[in-house]
Amino acid sequence: MSDIEDDTEISFSVKFLDRVEVVRPDGMEILMEAAAALQNPDRAVSEKVKKKKTKVHLFLSRSAIDILEHKTKFMLYTCSLSSVSFCAVHQTQPKLFGFIAKHPAVDTFHCYIFQSRKFSHLMVSVIGDAFRASRQSTNLRGSRDLVVEALRHKNNVLQRENTELKRKLQDKHGDDSDTEQTNSHVRFSSGGGFLRNT
């Protein structure tokens, strides 16, 4: 892998519901039918479906989408971006998103369905941007902007979580005013060192 590819790879942890063979390469209706088939195994589908959701790392580069098992990092699937024909967030279940890709060896299409509490819309946007960037591989700025935007979104999510945790911590310890006075505090000075008050 070259330095350029290293700089443009993005990874997200999501739950992988499974993949389903589909009859058409695109369309929201196809994605929603695939999601329904995975959530209701009694429905007629062309493949045996699993009930358990698997935590995976979804790696996105300018050339492919790789799905790796979370703990072992075992490669479950890889789809070249040129084989992806559709990607969207589920219309009625916004935690679900998926993409449709052509099988590399035979003339069939599979819909890959994922679940994420926070990143569904971002992942669809990032996959779309990566698809466009792969079409214009000479334009590296677009790929780097893609990485920066994904990192900004992750940063915003983490900042919101941090603020919420701080608030909960303050609420929990707000009644213990005596305890706060006996705890040590550290203050930073403008000289780059720190002052310890006890």
Protein backbone atom coordinates (compact mmCIF):
# COMPACT_ATOMS: atom_id res chain seq x y z
CA MET A 1 0.00 0.00 0.00
CA SER A 2 1.41 3.41 -0.91
CA ASP A 3 1.58 6.45 1.37
CA ILE A 4 -1.27 8.02 -0.54
CA GLU A 5 -3.52 5.02 0.08
CA ASP A 6 -2.59 5.03 3.79
CA ASP A 7 -3.63 8.67 4.07
CA THR A 8 -7.01 8.07 2.46
CA GLU A 9 -8.24 5.00 4.34
CA ILE A 10 -11.11 5.45 6.79
CA SER A 11 -12.31 2.89 9.31
CA PHE A 12 -15.60 2.68 11.21
CA SER A 13 -16.83 0.08 13.70
CA VAL A 14 -20.37 -0.96 12.80
CA LYS A 15 -22.62 -4.01 13.10
CA PHE A 16 -22.87 -6.17 10.00
CA LEU A 17 -26.25 -7.81 9.57
CA ASP A 18 -25.21 -9.83 6.50
CA ARG A 19 -25.41 -9.73 2.73
CA VAL A 20 -28.29 -10.84 0.55
CA GLU A 21 -28.32 -11.63 -3.14
CA VAL A 22 -30.63 -9.17 -4.90
CA VAL A 23 -32.27 -9.06 -8.32
CA ARG A 24 -31.33 -5.50 -9.32
CA PRO A 25 -28.18 -3.40 -8.87
CA ASP A 26 -29.89 -0.34 -7.38
CA GLY A 27 -32.91 1.17 -5.73
CA MET A 28 -34.16 2.00 -2.25
CA GLU A 29 -36.83 -0.68 -2.59
CA ILE A 30 -34.14 -3.35 -3.11
CA LEU A 31 -32.20 -2.16 -0.05
CA MET A 32 -35.34 -2.14 2.12
CA GLU A 33 -36.34 -5.64 0.93
CA ALA A 34 -32.84 -6.93 1.72
CA ALA A 35 -32.97 -5.40 5.21
CA ALA A 36 -36.43 -6.92 5.80
CA ALA A 37 -35.17 -10.32 4.67
CA LEU A 38 -32.31 -10.16 7.16
CA GLN A 39 -34.59 -9.07 9.99
CA ASN A 40 -37.21 -11.71 9.14
CA PRO A 41 -35.52 -14.99 8.13
CA ASP A 42 -38.89 -16.59 7.28
CA ARG A 43 -39.10 -14.43 4.15
CA ALA A 44 -38.12 -16.09 0.89
CA VAL A 45 -34.56 -15.11 -0.03
CA SER A 46 -32.04 -16.74 -2.29
CA GLU A 47 -29.43 -17.20 0.46
CA LYS A 48 -29.52 -18.54 3.99
CA VAL A 49 -29.43 -15.55 6.34
CA LYS A 50 -27.89 -15.25 9.78
CA LYS A 51 -29.77 -13.85 12.75
CA LYS A 52 -26.76 -12.63 14.71
CA LYS A 53 -25.29 -9.17 14.11
CA THR A 54 -21.50 -9.19 13.85
CA LYS A 55 -19.35 -6.25 14.92
CA VAL A 56 -16.99 -5.39 12.06
CA HIS A 57 -14.49 -2.80 10.94
CA LEU A 58 -15.60 -1.19 7.71
CA PHE A 59 -12.48 0.06 5.90
CA LEU A 60 -12.99 2.48 3.06
CA SER A 61 -10.24 3.49 0.67
CA ARG A 62 -10.21 5.11 -2.75
CA SER A 63 -10.33 1.67 -4.37
CA ALA A 64 -12.40 -0.66 -2.15
CA ILE A 65 -14.68 -1.31 0.80
CA ASP A 66 -13.29 -3.99 3.10
CA ILE A 67 -15.34 -5.69 5.82
CA LEU A 68 -13.16 -7.18 8.59
CA GLU A 69 -14.29 -9.15 11.63
CA HIS A 70 -13.84 -6.92 14.69
CA LYS A 71 -11.77 -9.13 17.02
CA THR A 72 -9.74 -11.26 14.61
CA LYS A 73 -9.44 -8.71 11.76
CA PHE A 74 -10.35 -11.59 9.42
CA MET A 75 -11.44 -10.30 6.00
CA LEU A 76 -15.10 -11.21 5.51
CA TYR A 77 -15.69 -9.40 2.22
CA THR A 78 -14.01 -6.91 -0.06
CA CYS A 79 -15.84 -4.92 -2.74
CA SER A 80 -14.09 -2.72 -5.26
CA LEU A 81 -15.65 0.73 -5.43
CA SER A 82 -16.17 0.26 -9.15
CA SER A 83 -18.51 -2.68 -8.36
CA VAL A 84 -20.72 -0.59 -6.02
CA SER A 85 -23.90 0.51 -7.78
CA PHE A 86 -26.06 1.86 -4.94
CA CYS A 87 -25.68 3.05 -1.34
CA ALA A 88 -28.29 4.53 1.01
CA VAL A 89 -29.66 4.83 4.53
CA HIS A 90 -32.85 2.84 5.16
CA GLN A 91 -35.88 5.14 4.77
CA THR A 92 -37.74 4.07 7.93
CA GLN A 93 -34.86 2.74 10.07
CA PRO A 94 -32.13 5.41 10.05
CA LYS A 95 -29.68 3.22 11.98
CA LEU A 96 -29.53 0.85 9.00
CA PHE A 97 -27.56 1.52 5.83
CA GLY A 98 -26.26 -0.59 3.03
CA PHE A 99 -24.73 -0.79 -0.38
CA ILE A 100 -25.21 -2.99 -3.42
CA ALA A 101 -22.18 -4.38 -5.24
CA LYS A 102 -21.63 -6.72 -8.17
CA HIS A 103 -19.99 -10.05 -7.37
CA PRO A 104 -16.47 -10.08 -8.86
CA ALA A 105 -16.71 -13.55 -10.43
CA VAL A 106 -20.35 -14.09 -11.41
CA ASP A 107 -23.10 -11.86 -12.77
CA THR A 108 -24.99 -11.37 -9.48
CA PHE A 109 -25.49 -8.49 -7.06
CA HIS A 110 -25.39 -8.52 -3.27
CA CYS A 111 -26.77 -5.99 -0.82
CA TYR A 112 -24.60 -5.55 2.30
CA ILE A 113 -26.58 -4.29 5.31
CA PHE A 114 -25.06 -2.57 8.37
CA GLN A 115 -26.30 -0.97 11.57
CA SER A 116 -24.77 2.07 13.26
CA ARG A 117 -26.26 4.37 15.88
CA LYS A 118 -24.23 7.40 14.85
CA PHE A 119 -22.56 6.91 11.48
CA SER A 120 -25.23 5.69 9.02
CA HIS A 121 -25.67 8.95 7.11
CA LEU A 122 -21.96 9.75 7.29
CA MET A 123 -21.00 6.31 5.93
CA VAL A 124 -23.35 6.65 2.97
CA SER A 125 -21.93 10.10 2.26
CA VAL A 126 -18.35 8.87 2.62
CA ILE A 127 -18.95 5.86 0.35
CA GLY A 128 -20.50 8.17 -2.25
CA ASP A 129 -17.56 10.58 -2.00
CA ALA A 130 -15.07 7.70 -2.22
CA PHE A 131 -16.88 6.38 -5.29
CA ARG A 132 -16.60 9.78 -6.96
CA ALA A 133 -12.96 10.10 -5.86
CA SER A 134 -12.14 6.68 -7.31
CA ARG A 135 -13.53 7.88 -10.65
CA GLN A 136 -11.16 10.85 -10.49
CA SER A 137 -8.11 9.15 -8.99
CA THR A 138 -5.81 11.95 -10.13
CA ASN A 139 -7.65 14.42 -7.91
CA LEU A 140 -6.12 13.60 -4.50
CA ARG A 141 -7.54 16.70 -2.81
CA GLY A 142 -11.05 15.24 -2.90
CA SER A 143 -9.88 12.09 -1.15
CA ARG A 144 -8.11 14.03 1.58
CA ASP A 145 -11.17 16.24 2.07
CA LEU A 146 -13.17 13.02 2.51
CA VAL A 147 -10.88 11.88 5.35
CA VAL A 148 -10.92 15.31 7.01
CA GLU A 149 -14.73 15.45 6.91
CA ALA A 150 -15.03 11.97 8.43
CA LEU A 151 -12.58 12.85 11.19
CA ARG A 152 -14.43 16.12 11.90
CA HIS A 153 -17.67 14.20 12.30
CA LYS A 154 -16.06 11.65 14.63
CA ASN A 155 -14.57 14.53 16.65
CA ASN A 156 -17.98 16.24 16.97
CA VAL A 157 -19.59 13.00 18.15
CA LEU A 158 -16.85 12.46 20.75
CA GLN A 159 -17.08 16.07 21.95
CA ARG A 160 -20.84 15.69 22.49
CA GLU A 161 -20.27 12.46 24.41
CA ASN A 162 -17.56 14.13 26.49
CA THR A 163 -19.83 17.08 27.33
CA GLU A 164 -22.63 14.69 28.33
CA LEU A 165 -20.29 12.65 30.54
CA LYS A 166 -18.96 15.82 32.21
CA ARG A 167 -22.52 16.95 32.90
CA LYS A 168 -23.43 13.58 34.41
CA LEU A 169 -20.28 13.64 36.53
CA GLN A 170 -21.09 17.14 37.78
CA ASP A 171 -24.67 16.11 38.56
CA LYS A 172 -23.42 13.07 40.45
CA HIS A 173 -20.85 14.98 42.50
CA GLY A 174 -22.72 18.28 42.76
CA ASP A 175 -24.20 17.36 46.16
CA ASP A 176 -20.82 16.47 47.69
CA SER A 177 -19.49 20.00 48.23
CA ASP A 178 -17.45 18.89 51.27
CA THR A 179 -15.67 16.24 49.22
CA GLU A 180 -14.76 18.72 46.50
CA GLN A 181 -13.00 21.01 48.99
CA THR A 182 -10.72 18.19 50.21
CA ASN A 183 -9.77 16.88 46.75
CA SER A 184 -6.52 17.94 45.06
CA HIS A 185 -6.78 20.30 42.10
CA VAL A 186 -4.27 20.95 39.34
CA ARG A 187 -4.14 24.28 37.53
CA PHE A 188 -2.05 25.04 34.48
CA SER A 189 -0.01 28.22 34.38
CA SER A 190 0.86 30.20 31.26
CA GLY A 191 4.51 29.14 31.63
CA GLY A 192 3.72 25.62 30.45
CA GLY A 193 4.12 23.97 33.89
CA PHE A 194 1.47 23.25 36.44
CA LEU A 195 0.70 24.30 39.98
CA ARG A 196 -0.72 21.79 42.47
CA ASN A 197 -3.13 23.06 45.11
CA THR A 198 -4.16 20.73 47.91
